[in-house]
Amino acid sequence: MSEAIAADDDRTGADLLGDWMSRDALAAELSISVDTLSRWETRRVGPPCVRVGRRVLYRRGAVRDWLRSQEDRAARRAGGR
């Protein structure tokens, strides 16, 4: 077995999900409730997420992109940019 494949086999679940965060973690990071994130998911207005079984995960890069899009929308409403 090559070293690269062996290294991949040795990775833990934490490495696999290193770029992902739970709904609880994102809610804490944004200082909003988990229920708010749930409502946003239902209304499809929040950051994109994926479901793995009952877990809801958010990719950090996608959350950053979503935040930037919210900033752009706010600037357009205010007549900026």
C-alpha atoms as a PDB file:
ATOM      1  CA  MET A   1       0.000   0.000   0.000  1.00  0.00           C
ATOM      2  CA  SER A   2       1.395   3.429  -0.852  1.00  0.00           C
ATOM      3  CA  GLU A   3       2.170   5.935   1.912  1.00  0.00           C
ATOM      4  CA  ALA A   4      -0.482   8.363   0.631  1.00  0.00           C
ATOM      5  CA  ILE A   5      -3.206   5.722   0.816  1.00  0.00           C
ATOM      6  CA  ALA A   6      -1.979   4.581   4.228  1.00  0.00           C
ATOM      7  CA  ALA A   7      -2.099   8.200   5.452  1.00  0.00           C
ATOM      8  CA  ASP A   8      -5.682   8.521   4.201  1.00  0.00           C
ATOM      9  CA  ASP A   9      -6.629   5.333   6.037  1.00  0.00           C
ATOM     10  CA  ASP A  10      -5.155   6.713   9.280  1.00  0.00           C
ATOM     11  CA  ARG A  11      -7.251   9.877   9.293  1.00  0.00           C
ATOM     12  CA  THR A  12      -9.762  10.265  12.084  1.00  0.00           C
ATOM     13  CA  GLY A  13     -13.352  11.466  11.815  1.00  0.00           C
ATOM     14  CA  ALA A  14     -12.202  14.869  13.075  1.00  0.00           C
ATOM     15  CA  ASP A  15      -9.947  15.271  10.027  1.00  0.00           C
ATOM     16  CA  LEU A  16     -12.710  14.184   7.692  1.00  0.00           C
ATOM     17  CA  LEU A  17     -15.101  16.775   9.119  1.00  0.00           C
ATOM     18  CA  GLY A  18     -12.482  19.444   9.789  1.00  0.00           C
ATOM     19  CA  ASP A  19     -14.087  21.927   7.369  1.00  0.00           C
ATOM     20  CA  TRP A  20     -17.586  21.285   8.706  1.00  0.00           C
ATOM     21  CA  MET A  21     -19.396  22.538  11.793  1.00  0.00           C
ATOM     22  CA  SER A  22     -22.523  21.428  13.610  1.00  0.00           C
ATOM     23  CA  ARG A  23     -25.688  23.469  13.912  1.00  0.00           C
ATOM     24  CA  ASP A  24     -24.906  24.048  17.609  1.00  0.00           C
ATOM     25  CA  ALA A  25     -21.421  25.328  16.789  1.00  0.00           C
ATOM     26  CA  LEU A  26     -22.666  27.668  14.052  1.00  0.00           C
ATOM     27  CA  ALA A  27     -25.458  29.006  16.250  1.00  0.00           C
ATOM     28  CA  ALA A  28     -22.917  29.793  18.971  1.00  0.00           C
ATOM     29  CA  GLU A  29     -20.545  31.377  16.438  1.00  0.00           C
ATOM     30  CA  LEU A  30     -23.309  33.649  15.067  1.00  0.00           C
ATOM     31  CA  SER A  31     -24.857  34.307  18.516  1.00  0.00           C
ATOM     32  CA  ILE A  32     -28.248  33.063  17.355  1.00  0.00           C
ATOM     33  CA  SER A  33     -30.387  30.151  18.477  1.00  0.00           C
ATOM     34  CA  VAL A  34     -30.355  26.668  17.021  1.00  0.00           C
ATOM     35  CA  ASP A  35     -34.085  27.159  16.387  1.00  0.00           C
ATOM     36  CA  THR A  36     -33.316  30.171  14.190  1.00  0.00           C
ATOM     37  CA  LEU A  37     -30.974  28.082  12.061  1.00  0.00           C
ATOM     38  CA  SER A  38     -33.658  25.390  11.829  1.00  0.00           C
ATOM     39  CA  ARG A  39     -36.215  27.952  10.645  1.00  0.00           C
ATOM     40  CA  TRP A  40     -33.750  29.356   8.120  1.00  0.00           C
ATOM     41  CA  GLU A  41     -33.141  25.860   6.758  1.00  0.00           C
ATOM     42  CA  THR A  42     -36.879  25.285   6.385  1.00  0.00           C
ATOM     43  CA  ARG A  43     -37.315  28.638   4.615  1.00  0.00           C
ATOM     44  CA  ARG A  44     -34.081  28.180   2.630  1.00  0.00           C
ATOM     45  CA  VAL A  45     -32.793  31.603   3.620  1.00  0.00           C
ATOM     46  CA  GLY A  46     -29.775  30.672   5.737  1.00  0.00           C
ATOM     47  CA  PRO A  47     -26.398  29.257   4.894  1.00  0.00           C
ATOM     48  CA  PRO A  48     -26.406  26.001   2.912  1.00  0.00           C
ATOM     49  CA  CYS A  49     -26.235  22.831   4.954  1.00  0.00           C
ATOM     50  CA  VAL A  50     -26.171  19.087   4.516  1.00  0.00           C
ATOM     51  CA  ARG A  51     -27.837  16.379   6.546  1.00  0.00           C
ATOM     52  CA  VAL A  52     -26.007  13.241   7.581  1.00  0.00           C
ATOM     53  CA  GLY A  53     -28.605  11.144   9.294  1.00  0.00           C
ATOM     54  CA  ARG A  54     -30.023  13.468  11.925  1.00  0.00           C
ATOM     55  CA  ARG A  55     -26.952  15.694  12.001  1.00  0.00           C
ATOM     56  CA  VAL A  56     -26.973  18.994  10.174  1.00  0.00           C
ATOM     57  CA  LEU A  57     -23.567  20.232   9.062  1.00  0.00           C
ATOM     58  CA  TYR A  58     -22.379  23.509   7.595  1.00  0.00           C
ATOM     59  CA  ARG A  59     -19.203  23.897   5.554  1.00  0.00           C
ATOM     60  CA  ARG A  60     -17.215  26.831   6.894  1.00  0.00           C
ATOM     61  CA  GLY A  61     -16.423  28.215   3.428  1.00  0.00           C
ATOM     62  CA  ALA A  62     -20.087  28.106   2.429  1.00  0.00           C
ATOM     63  CA  VAL A  63     -21.052  29.969   5.606  1.00  0.00           C
ATOM     64  CA  ARG A  64     -18.455  32.663   4.815  1.00  0.00           C
ATOM     65  CA  ASP A  65     -19.811  32.947   1.262  1.00  0.00           C
ATOM     66  CA  TRP A  66     -23.359  33.231   2.598  1.00  0.00           C
ATOM     67  CA  LEU A  67     -22.305  35.960   5.046  1.00  0.00           C
ATOM     68  CA  ARG A  68     -20.663  37.886   2.196  1.00  0.00           C
ATOM     69  CA  SER A  69     -23.836  37.592   0.132  1.00  0.00           C
ATOM     70  CA  GLN A  70     -25.815  39.003   3.057  1.00  0.00           C
ATOM     71  CA  GLU A  71     -23.391  41.907   3.236  1.00  0.00           C
ATOM     72  CA  ASP A  72     -23.822  42.536  -0.507  1.00  0.00           C
ATOM     73  CA  ARG A  73     -27.614  42.437  -0.202  1.00  0.00           C
ATOM     74  CA  ALA A  74     -27.535  44.923   2.691  1.00  0.00           C
ATOM     75  CA  ALA A  75     -25.290  47.274   0.725  1.00  0.00           C
ATOM     76  CA  ARG A  76     -27.623  47.168  -2.296  1.00  0.00           C
ATOM     77  CA  ARG A  77     -30.637  47.924  -0.094  1.00  0.00           C
ATOM     78  CA  ALA A  78     -28.765  50.868   1.436  1.00  0.00           C
ATOM     79  CA  GLY A  79     -27.868  52.189  -2.001  1.00  0.00           C
ATOM     80  CA  GLY A  80     -24.181  51.354  -1.751  1.00  0.00           C
ATOM     81  CA  ARG A  81     -21.902  49.415  -4.108  1.00  0.00           C
END
